C-alpha atoms as a PDB file:
ATOM      1  CA  MET A   1      46.155 -13.898  57.793  1.00  0.00           C
ATOM      2  CA  ASN A   2      42.715 -12.877  58.939  1.00  0.00           C
ATOM      3  CA  PHE A   3      41.825 -14.158  62.444  1.00  0.00           C
ATOM      4  CA  LYS A   4      38.557 -13.899  64.337  1.00  0.00           C
ATOM      5  CA  PHE A   5      38.785 -13.565  68.094  1.00  0.00           C
ATOM      6  CA  LYS A   6      36.023 -14.003  70.662  1.00  0.00           C
ATOM      7  CA  PHE A   7      36.160 -13.641  74.407  1.00  0.00           C
ATOM      8  CA  TYR A   8      34.419 -16.315  76.494  1.00  0.00           C
ATOM      9  CA  GLY A   9      34.720 -15.396  80.131  1.00  0.00           C
ATOM     10  CA  LYS A  10      38.398 -14.624  80.569  1.00  0.00           C
ATOM     11  CA  ARG A  11      39.534 -16.938  77.778  1.00  0.00           C
ATOM     12  CA  LEU A  12      40.421 -15.760  74.308  1.00  0.00           C
ATOM     13  CA  ILE A  13      39.315 -18.151  71.568  1.00  0.00           C
ATOM     14  CA  LYS A  14      40.505 -17.664  67.998  1.00  0.00           C
ATOM     15  CA  ASN A  15      39.105 -19.033  64.769  1.00  0.00           C
ATOM     16  CA  MET A  16      35.770 -20.205  66.110  1.00  0.00           C
ATOM     17  CA  LYS A  17      33.896 -22.410  63.644  1.00  0.00           C
ATOM     18  CA  LYS A  18      30.195 -21.927  62.873  1.00  0.00           C
ATOM     19  CA  ILE A  19      27.980 -24.987  62.437  1.00  0.00           C
ATOM     20  CA  LYS A  20      24.326 -24.989  61.389  1.00  0.00           C
ATOM     21  CA  LEU A  21      21.991 -27.349  63.249  1.00  0.00           C
ATOM     22  CA  THR A  22      18.654 -28.667  61.995  1.00  0.00           C
ATOM     23  CA  ARG A  23      16.277 -31.186  63.519  1.00  0.00           C
ATOM     24  CA  GLU A  24      12.986 -32.904  62.865  1.00  0.00           C
ATOM     25  CA  SER A  25       9.855 -32.014  64.799  1.00  0.00           C
ATOM     26  CA  VAL A  26       8.782 -34.250  67.673  1.00  0.00           C
ATOM     27  CA  ALA A  27       5.032 -33.505  67.534  1.00  0.00           C
ATOM     28  CA  MET A  28       2.461 -31.501  65.593  1.00  0.00           C
ATOM     29  CA  SER A  29       2.716 -28.661  68.107  1.00  0.00           C
ATOM     30  CA  ASP A  30       6.491 -28.615  67.529  1.00  0.00           C
ATOM     31  CA  ASP A  31       5.837 -27.983  63.810  1.00  0.00           C
ATOM     32  CA  ILE A  32       4.771 -24.428  64.687  1.00  0.00           C
ATOM     33  CA  ASP A  33       8.417 -23.459  65.173  1.00  0.00           C
ATOM     34  CA  ALA A  34       9.725 -25.426  62.161  1.00  0.00           C
ATOM     35  CA  PRO A  35      12.179 -25.355  60.577  1.00  0.00           C
ATOM     36  CA  HIS A  36      14.219 -25.945  63.702  1.00  0.00           C
ATOM     37  CA  PHE A  37      17.410 -24.108  62.908  1.00  0.00           C
ATOM     38  CA  MET A  38      20.225 -23.002  65.187  1.00  0.00           C
ATOM     39  CA  GLU A  39      23.763 -21.853  64.552  1.00  0.00           C
ATOM     40  CA  ILE A  40      26.503 -22.539  67.080  1.00  0.00           C
ATOM     41  CA  GLU A  41      30.160 -21.666  67.331  1.00  0.00           C
ATOM     42  CA  ILE A  42      32.675 -24.301  68.357  1.00  0.00           C
ATOM     43  CA  GLN A  43      36.410 -24.533  68.628  1.00  0.00           C
ATOM     44  CA  PRO A  44      37.857 -25.957  65.392  1.00  0.00           C
ATOM     45  CA  ASN A  45      39.768 -28.728  67.198  1.00  0.00           C
ATOM     46  CA  TRP A  46      36.786 -30.241  69.043  1.00  0.00           C
ATOM     47  CA  LYS A  47      36.164 -33.955  68.636  1.00  0.00           C
ATOM     48  CA  ILE A  48      32.668 -35.139  67.752  1.00  0.00           C
ATOM     49  CA  THR A  49      31.872 -36.072  71.364  1.00  0.00           C
ATOM     50  CA  GLU A  50      32.756 -32.537  72.482  1.00  0.00           C
ATOM     51  CA  ILE A  51      30.520 -31.059  69.768  1.00  0.00           C
ATOM     52  CA  LEU A  52      27.588 -33.317  70.695  1.00  0.00           C
ATOM     53  CA  LYS A  53      27.926 -32.637  74.423  1.00  0.00           C
ATOM     54  CA  TYR A  54      27.974 -28.902  73.681  1.00  0.00           C
ATOM     55  CA  ILE A  55      24.767 -29.240  71.630  1.00  0.00           C
ATOM     56  CA  ILE A  56      23.121 -31.308  74.375  1.00  0.00           C
ATOM     57  CA  LYS A  57      23.988 -28.649  76.978  1.00  0.00           C
ATOM     58  CA  SER A  58      22.502 -25.977  74.699  1.00  0.00           C
ATOM     59  CA  LYS A  59      19.103 -27.720  75.066  1.00  0.00           C
ATOM     60  CA  TYR A  60      18.572 -27.587  71.299  1.00  0.00           C
ATOM     61  CA  LEU A  61      16.923 -31.026  71.301  1.00  0.00           C
ATOM     62  CA  PRO A  62      13.483 -30.952  72.935  1.00  0.00           C
ATOM     63  CA  LYS A  63      12.549 -33.272  75.761  1.00  0.00           C
ATOM     64  CA  ILE A  64       9.431 -35.368  75.306  1.00  0.00           C
ATOM     65  CA  SER A  65       7.048 -36.616  77.948  1.00  0.00           C
ATOM     66  CA  GLY A  66       8.030 -40.110  78.984  1.00  0.00           C
ATOM     67  CA  GLY A  67      11.718 -39.180  78.647  1.00  0.00           C
ATOM     68  CA  LYS A  68      12.656 -41.692  75.959  1.00  0.00           C
ATOM     69  CA  ALA A  69      13.280 -39.650  72.794  1.00  0.00           C
ATOM     70  CA  THR A  70      15.870 -41.154  70.439  1.00  0.00           C
ATOM     71  CA  TRP A  71      17.826 -39.090  67.914  1.00  0.00           C
ATOM     72  CA  SER A  72      20.288 -40.013  65.208  1.00  0.00           C
ATOM     73  CA  VAL A  73      22.942 -37.484  64.268  1.00  0.00           C
ATOM     74  CA  ALA A  74      23.981 -37.013  60.645  1.00  0.00           C
ATOM     75  CA  ILE A  75      26.780 -35.123  58.957  1.00  0.00           C
ATOM     76  CA  ASN A  76      26.154 -36.297  55.383  1.00  0.00           C
ATOM     77  CA  GLU A  77      25.711 -39.779  56.913  1.00  0.00           C
ATOM     78  CA  PRO A  78      24.774 -41.197  60.330  1.00  0.00           C
ATOM     79  CA  ILE A  79      27.509 -40.625  62.895  1.00  0.00           C
ATOM     80  CA  ALA A  80      25.845 -41.116  66.298  1.00  0.00           C
ATOM     81  CA  VAL A  81      22.709 -41.957  68.249  1.00  0.00           C
ATOM     82  CA  LEU A  82      21.532 -39.958  71.253  1.00  0.00           C
ATOM     83  CA  SER A  83      18.763 -40.761  73.669  1.00  0.00           C
ATOM     84  CA  GLN A  84      17.018 -38.474  76.082  1.00  0.00           C
ATOM     85  CA  GLU A  85      17.498 -40.941  78.925  1.00  0.00           C
ATOM     86  CA  SER A  86      21.290 -41.156  78.440  1.00  0.00           C
ATOM     87  CA  SER A  87      22.018 -37.883  76.663  1.00  0.00           C
ATOM     88  CA  GLN A  88      25.480 -37.397  78.148  1.00  0.00           C
ATOM     89  CA  SER A  89      26.847 -40.566  76.523  1.00  0.00           C
ATOM     90  CA  PRO A  90      26.204 -40.554  72.757  1.00  0.00           C
ATOM     91  CA  MET A  91      26.652 -43.866  70.946  1.00  0.00           C
ATOM     92  CA  LEU A  92      29.182 -43.136  68.208  1.00  0.00           C
ATOM     93  CA  ILE A  93      28.956 -44.806  64.820  1.00  0.00           C
ATOM     94  CA  CYS A  94      32.043 -42.913  63.650  1.00  0.00           C
ATOM     95  CA  TYR A  95      35.545 -42.768  65.098  1.00  0.00           C
ATOM     96  CA  PRO A  96      35.726 -40.795  68.378  1.00  0.00           C
ATOM     97  CA  GLU A  97      38.127 -38.202  66.945  1.00  0.00           C
ATOM     98  CA  TYR A  98      35.957 -37.654  63.862  1.00  0.00           C
ATOM     99  CA  PRO A  99      36.139 -34.882  62.614  1.00  0.00           C
ATOM    100  CA  TYR A 100      39.255 -33.805  64.531  1.00  0.00           C
ATOM    101  CA  GLN A 101      41.417 -31.839  62.118  1.00  0.00           C
ATOM    102  CA  GLY A 102      44.646 -33.596  61.240  1.00  0.00           C
ATOM    103  CA  THR A 103      43.224 -37.118  61.432  1.00  0.00           C
ATOM    104  CA  MET A 104      42.523 -39.418  58.495  1.00  0.00           C
ATOM    105  CA  SER A 105      38.800 -39.243  59.158  1.00  0.00           C
ATOM    106  CA  PHE A 106      38.669 -35.411  59.142  1.00  0.00           C
ATOM    107  CA  VAL A 107      35.449 -33.947  57.769  1.00  0.00           C
ATOM    108  CA  ASN A 108      34.760 -30.240  57.477  1.00  0.00           C
ATOM    109  CA  ILE A 109      31.487 -29.876  59.379  1.00  0.00           C
ATOM    110  CA  GLU A 110      29.108 -27.193  58.193  1.00  0.00           C
ATOM    111  CA  ASN A 111      25.733 -28.780  59.022  1.00  0.00           C
ATOM    112  CA  ILE A 112      24.526 -31.318  61.567  1.00  0.00           C
ATOM    113  CA  HIS A 113      21.029 -32.798  61.309  1.00  0.00           C
ATOM    114  CA  PHE A 114      19.130 -34.616  64.061  1.00  0.00           C
ATOM    115  CA  ASN A 115      16.567 -37.230  62.996  1.00  0.00           C
ATOM    116  CA  TYR A 116      13.852 -38.057  65.504  1.00  0.00           C
ATOM    117  CA  HIS A 117      13.152 -41.778  66.024  1.00  0.00           C
ATOM    118  CA  ALA A 118      10.273 -41.367  68.484  1.00  0.00           C
ATOM    119  CA  GLN A 119      10.684 -43.643  71.491  1.00  0.00           C
ATOM    120  CA  LYS A 120      12.483 -46.448  69.679  1.00  0.00           C
ATOM    121  CA  ASN A 121      15.158 -48.284  71.603  1.00  0.00           C
ATOM    122  CA  PRO A 122      18.427 -46.361  70.969  1.00  0.00           C
ATOM    123  CA  ILE A 123      20.396 -49.611  70.740  1.00  0.00           C
ATOM    124  CA  ASP A 124      18.110 -50.853  67.944  1.00  0.00           C
ATOM    125  CA  VAL A 125      18.493 -47.551  66.059  1.00  0.00           C
ATOM    126  CA  PHE A 126      22.272 -47.743  66.547  1.00  0.00           C
ATOM    127  CA  GLU A 127      22.445 -51.328  65.231  1.00  0.00           C
ATOM    128  CA  VAL A 128      20.580 -50.384  62.037  1.00  0.00           C
ATOM    129  CA  LEU A 129      22.524 -47.174  61.373  1.00  0.00           C
ATOM    130  CA  ARG A 130      25.992 -48.563  61.998  1.00  0.00           C
ATOM    131  CA  GLU A 131      25.512 -50.772  58.925  1.00  0.00           C
ATOM    132  CA  PHE A 132      26.061 -47.624  56.832  1.00  0.00           C
ATOM    133  CA  LYS A 133      29.657 -47.256  55.729  1.00  0.00           C
ATOM    134  CA  ILE A 134      31.482 -44.230  57.106  1.00  0.00           C
ATOM    135  CA  LYS A 135      33.917 -42.699  54.620  1.00  0.00           C
END
């Protein structure tokens, strides 16, 4: 078998998984840097909440003045809603362990896209998006 190893601090992590991130622009001035692409490495056994919290800590999503940006998260379909004002507690549309390997709801994540919903109420965005059926 072929294993990849990376050292993070004093910990040895094997088989890191790469995920590509994309997001919409939040303003015309943000379009200058478009497309907004970033690649991250995660541990393959992370649950979706761990992945989202890692992305939030990376500061990939821009802050807007007024502090009320709302984002939906999609991996082929909507899976969560994030808001700038409560970024550490994403509202999950999917199962919490999605895409934890070994579960029925496992999905091989390669890309995650963030849709910008301006300053819409995150609960309203969540209510609309959760009507989509998760596989």
